[in-house]
Amino acid sequence: MICRARKGQVSSGEAIGILLLDTSVPFIPGDVANASTYGFPVRFGRVEGFTVARAIGKDPAIYDALKTAAREMVDQGVRAVTGDCGFMALHQQRLADDLGIPVFLSSLLQIPFILSILGEKSKVGVLTADGRSLDETLLAAVGVTDTGRLVVEGLEAQPHFHRFAIQETGTLDTEKVAAEVVGAGRHLMARDKAIKALLLECSLLPPYAAALQAAVQVPVFDYITMINFVFSAVVKRSYDGFM
């Protein structure tokens, strides 16, 4: 086998590039921004100036910085680019058009798939960092034009989640945040008996997905289910076994 260097590439083997907000919170295992979450190498790239406030506020002016950070990862050999905030969905199609490789910025992209595997009368519950900002414009950016089968619950009023995720105090009480997430999930399920699956919009929520599923007993989708799925498509493995 003859291998050739790619000009400017300083490392190899990172198929998934992850665009990070310009933020400072504890990134625990299970978080999108914690490398130990994955069973494969990933490459991280911070988007300078892309704060939590600008993400939740859906600021279109951040696009150039987002594209620059994404392009740097593509130049380093990643095969697909994702993000660490569901509200990046606003830039999904534009970045996919510009990069020319698979782009899947928001966990919300899974909604059409989840709806398609459930019965037509079933609904998807969405737990989000800020229910006030998850509007029809953002959903349309990920291909959801009919919101009648979605039930949204925001975590903006949960004090421990809000302090660590939105106010960025730098401190996280995992047990208290887990209790808030589970409580919000239970409340969401109680609001509509037609909910048959949950989706976690926020990249900070996957660490609590197992506890949430144990409490509500439905499939739980999040950023990690999406990233693992795309990785399995861009890095195929051969099969060993016997007949």
Protein backbone atom coordinates (compact mmCIF):
# COMPACT_ATOMS: atom_id res chain seq x y z
CA MET A 1 0.00 0.00 0.00
CA ILE A 2 1.28 3.46 -0.92
CA CYS A 3 0.09 6.28 1.38
CA ARG A 4 0.41 9.93 0.48
CA ALA A 5 0.41 12.92 2.78
CA ARG A 6 -2.30 15.56 2.49
CA LYS A 7 -0.75 19.02 2.41
CA GLY A 8 -1.29 20.84 5.72
CA GLN A 9 -2.85 17.87 7.52
CA VAL A 10 -1.06 17.30 10.84
CA SER A 11 -2.97 14.28 12.16
CA SER A 12 -5.19 11.50 10.84
CA GLY A 13 -7.93 9.11 11.92
CA GLU A 14 -10.54 11.63 13.13
CA ALA A 15 -13.60 11.03 10.96
CA ILE A 16 -16.03 13.21 12.90
CA GLY A 17 -15.41 16.93 13.40
CA ILE A 18 -17.35 18.61 16.21
CA LEU A 19 -17.92 22.38 16.19
CA LEU A 20 -17.99 23.74 19.74
CA LEU A 21 -19.62 26.83 21.14
CA ASP A 22 -17.34 29.45 22.64
CA THR A 23 -18.32 28.51 26.17
CA SER A 24 -16.90 27.22 29.45
CA VAL A 25 -18.89 24.59 31.30
CA PRO A 26 -17.94 21.20 32.82
CA PHE A 27 -17.98 18.68 29.95
CA ILE A 28 -18.59 15.36 31.71
CA PRO A 29 -18.49 11.91 30.06
CA GLY A 30 -21.51 11.61 27.81
CA ASP A 31 -21.34 15.27 26.86
CA VAL A 32 -20.74 15.92 23.16
CA ALA A 33 -17.62 17.94 24.04
CA ASN A 34 -16.00 15.14 26.07
CA ALA A 35 -13.78 12.93 23.91
CA SER A 36 -14.22 9.92 26.20
CA THR A 37 -17.90 9.83 25.20
CA TYR A 38 -16.97 8.14 21.92
CA GLY A 39 -15.64 4.77 20.92
CA PHE A 40 -13.61 6.42 18.15
CA PRO A 41 -11.38 9.49 17.76
CA VAL A 42 -13.05 12.85 17.12
CA ARG A 43 -11.70 16.29 16.29
CA PHE A 44 -12.95 19.36 18.15
CA GLY A 45 -12.97 22.92 16.83
CA ARG A 46 -14.13 25.97 18.78
CA VAL A 47 -16.16 28.57 16.89
CA GLU A 48 -14.77 31.85 18.16
CA GLY A 49 -17.48 34.21 19.36
CA PHE A 50 -20.28 31.64 19.09
CA THR A 51 -21.60 32.08 22.63
CA VAL A 52 -24.58 30.37 24.23
CA ALA A 53 -26.52 33.64 23.97
CA ARG A 54 -25.84 33.90 20.24
CA ALA A 55 -26.82 30.27 19.71
CA ILE A 56 -30.12 30.52 21.59
CA GLY A 57 -30.73 33.92 20.00
CA LYS A 58 -30.23 32.35 16.55
CA ASP A 59 -27.76 35.01 15.43
CA PRO A 60 -27.17 34.59 11.68
CA ALA A 61 -24.07 36.79 11.79
CA ILE A 62 -22.00 33.98 13.32
CA TYR A 63 -22.06 31.96 10.11
CA ASP A 64 -18.68 33.08 8.74
CA ALA A 65 -16.90 32.04 11.96
CA LEU A 66 -18.77 28.73 11.91
CA LYS A 67 -17.75 28.08 8.32
CA THR A 68 -14.11 28.96 9.01
CA ALA A 69 -13.90 26.52 11.93
CA ALA A 70 -15.63 23.81 9.91
CA ARG A 71 -13.37 24.32 6.91
CA GLU A 72 -10.29 23.94 9.12
CA MET A 73 -11.54 20.54 10.27
CA VAL A 74 -12.28 19.44 6.72
CA ASP A 75 -8.74 20.43 5.77
CA GLN A 76 -7.54 18.15 8.56
CA GLY A 77 -9.36 15.19 7.07
CA VAL A 78 -12.69 14.82 8.87
CA ARG A 79 -15.37 13.02 6.86
CA ALA A 80 -18.43 14.62 8.49
CA VAL A 81 -19.10 17.69 10.66
CA THR A 82 -21.48 18.02 13.58
CA GLY A 83 -21.92 20.54 16.42
CA ASP A 84 -22.58 20.82 20.13
CA CYS A 85 -25.76 22.91 20.20
CA GLY A 86 -29.13 21.99 18.74
CA PHE A 87 -29.71 25.63 17.82
CA MET A 88 -26.93 25.36 15.25
CA ALA A 89 -29.73 23.95 13.09
CA LEU A 90 -30.21 27.47 11.75
CA HIS A 91 -26.99 27.05 9.72
CA GLN A 92 -27.49 23.40 8.70
CA GLN A 93 -28.32 23.66 5.02
CA ARG A 94 -25.97 26.54 4.24
CA LEU A 95 -22.98 24.80 5.79
CA ALA A 96 -23.83 21.49 4.10
CA ASP A 97 -23.93 23.31 0.76
CA ASP A 98 -20.61 25.06 1.43
CA LEU A 99 -18.58 22.13 2.78
CA GLY A 100 -19.48 19.37 0.36
CA ILE A 101 -19.27 16.62 3.00
CA PRO A 102 -21.98 15.35 5.38
CA VAL A 103 -23.04 18.03 7.86
CA PHE A 104 -25.36 17.28 10.78
CA LEU A 105 -25.21 20.24 13.12
CA SER A 106 -28.27 19.64 15.27
CA SER A 107 -29.71 16.67 17.15
CA LEU A 108 -33.08 17.97 15.92
CA LEU A 109 -32.25 16.48 12.51
CA GLN A 110 -33.40 13.14 13.94
CA ILE A 111 -37.01 14.27 14.32
CA PRO A 112 -38.26 13.24 10.84
CA PHE A 113 -36.61 9.83 11.26
CA ILE A 114 -38.08 9.28 14.71
CA LEU A 115 -41.55 10.26 13.54
CA SER A 116 -41.25 7.88 10.60
CA ILE A 117 -40.57 4.86 12.82
CA LEU A 118 -43.52 5.56 15.11
CA GLY A 119 -47.20 5.09 14.39
CA GLU A 120 -48.93 8.00 12.70
CA LYS A 121 -50.79 8.90 15.89
CA SER A 122 -47.61 8.90 17.97
CA LYS A 123 -45.71 12.00 19.02
CA VAL A 124 -42.14 12.90 19.91
CA GLY A 125 -41.32 14.78 23.09
CA VAL A 126 -38.44 17.24 22.80
CA LEU A 127 -36.43 18.34 25.84
CA THR A 128 -34.58 21.55 25.01
CA ALA A 129 -32.31 24.01 26.77
CA ASP A 130 -34.77 26.83 26.00
CA GLY A 131 -38.30 26.06 24.91
CA ARG A 132 -38.98 29.71 24.06
CA SER A 133 -36.35 29.70 21.31
CA LEU A 134 -37.15 26.36 19.72
CA ASP A 135 -39.57 27.79 17.19
CA GLU A 136 -40.94 26.88 13.77
CA THR A 137 -38.06 28.62 11.98
CA LEU A 138 -35.51 26.41 13.70
CA LEU A 139 -37.57 23.26 13.13
CA ALA A 140 -38.06 24.09 9.45
CA ALA A 141 -34.27 24.23 9.10
CA VAL A 142 -34.13 20.50 9.97
CA GLY A 143 -37.04 19.53 7.73
CA VAL A 144 -39.90 19.71 10.24
CA THR A 145 -42.76 21.75 8.80
CA ASP A 146 -45.63 20.09 10.67
CA THR A 147 -45.16 20.53 14.41
CA GLY A 148 -48.42 18.83 15.34
CA ARG A 149 -46.62 15.66 16.40
CA LEU A 150 -44.07 17.43 18.62
CA VAL A 151 -44.41 18.28 22.30
CA VAL A 152 -41.66 20.60 23.58
CA GLU A 153 -40.47 21.06 27.15
CA GLY A 154 -37.82 23.66 27.98
CA LEU A 155 -35.29 23.49 30.82
CA GLU A 156 -34.78 27.24 31.08
CA ALA A 157 -36.67 27.40 34.40
CA GLN A 158 -34.71 24.56 36.01
CA PRO A 159 -32.35 26.37 38.40
CA HIS A 160 -29.38 23.99 38.44
CA PHE A 161 -29.42 23.40 34.69
CA HIS A 162 -29.81 27.10 34.03
CA ARG A 163 -26.89 28.05 36.27
CA PHE A 164 -24.39 25.68 34.74
CA ALA A 165 -25.58 25.63 31.11
CA ILE A 166 -26.90 29.13 30.46
CA GLN A 167 -25.23 31.32 33.10
CA GLU A 168 -21.98 29.33 32.77
CA THR A 169 -21.05 29.48 36.44
CA GLY A 170 -18.38 26.83 35.89
CA THR A 171 -19.90 24.44 38.41
CA LEU A 172 -22.14 21.44 37.77
CA ASP A 173 -24.01 19.35 40.33
CA THR A 174 -24.68 16.26 38.25
CA GLU A 175 -27.17 14.69 40.65
CA LYS A 176 -29.33 17.80 40.85
CA VAL A 177 -29.27 18.38 37.10
CA ALA A 178 -30.13 14.71 36.53
CA ALA A 179 -33.12 15.09 38.83
CA GLU A 180 -34.26 18.16 36.90
CA VAL A 181 -33.91 16.41 33.54
CA VAL A 182 -35.79 13.32 34.74
CA GLY A 183 -38.49 15.49 36.29
CA ALA A 184 -38.89 17.48 33.09
CA GLY A 185 -39.08 14.26 31.09
CA ARG A 186 -41.78 12.86 33.32
CA HIS A 187 -43.73 16.10 33.08
CA LEU A 188 -43.40 16.02 29.31
CA MET A 189 -44.69 12.46 29.10
CA ALA A 190 -47.62 13.33 31.36
CA ARG A 191 -48.62 16.23 29.11
CA ASP A 192 -49.48 13.94 26.19
CA LYS A 193 -50.00 10.19 26.33
CA ALA A 194 -49.28 9.96 22.59
CA ILE A 195 -45.55 10.59 23.18
CA LYS A 196 -43.69 7.40 22.31
CA ALA A 197 -40.10 8.67 22.12
CA LEU A 198 -37.99 11.53 23.49
CA LEU A 199 -35.34 13.64 21.78
CA LEU A 200 -32.77 15.66 23.72
CA GLU A 201 -31.94 18.85 21.83
CA CYS A 202 -29.08 20.05 24.01
CA SER A 203 -25.58 18.56 23.75
CA LEU A 204 -25.22 18.76 27.55
CA LEU A 205 -28.09 16.31 28.13
CA PRO A 206 -26.83 12.90 26.89
CA PRO A 207 -25.14 12.13 30.27
CA TYR A 208 -28.63 11.95 31.78
CA ALA A 209 -30.29 9.96 28.98
CA ALA A 210 -29.98 6.58 30.71
CA ALA A 211 -31.58 7.86 33.92
CA LEU A 212 -34.30 9.52 31.88
CA GLN A 213 -35.05 6.35 29.94
CA ALA A 214 -35.19 4.31 33.14
CA ALA A 215 -37.82 6.73 34.43
CA VAL A 216 -40.04 7.04 31.34
CA GLN A 217 -39.46 3.72 29.53
CA VAL A 218 -39.42 5.03 25.93
CA PRO A 219 -36.62 5.34 23.34
CA VAL A 220 -34.40 8.37 23.98
CA PHE A 221 -32.52 9.98 21.10
CA ASP A 222 -29.80 12.59 21.51
CA TYR A 223 -26.64 13.97 19.90
CA ILE A 224 -24.72 10.79 20.65
CA THR A 225 -27.20 8.49 18.90
CA MET A 226 -26.89 10.76 15.86
CA ILE A 227 -23.09 11.00 15.91
CA ASN A 228 -22.66 7.25 16.34
CA PHE A 229 -25.07 6.63 13.47
CA VAL A 230 -23.25 8.95 11.07
CA PHE A 231 -19.86 7.57 12.08
CA SER A 232 -21.07 4.06 11.24
CA ALA A 233 -21.90 5.32 7.74
CA VAL A 234 -18.69 7.23 6.99
CA VAL A 235 -16.36 4.61 8.51
CA LYS A 236 -17.52 1.15 7.49
CA ARG A 237 -16.16 -1.91 9.24
CA SER A 238 -15.62 -5.35 7.76
CA TYR A 239 -17.38 -8.27 9.41
CA ASP A 240 -15.86 -11.34 11.01
CA GLY A 241 -17.81 -14.42 11.95
CA PHE A 242 -18.79 -17.86 10.80
CA MET A 243 -21.69 -19.81 9.31
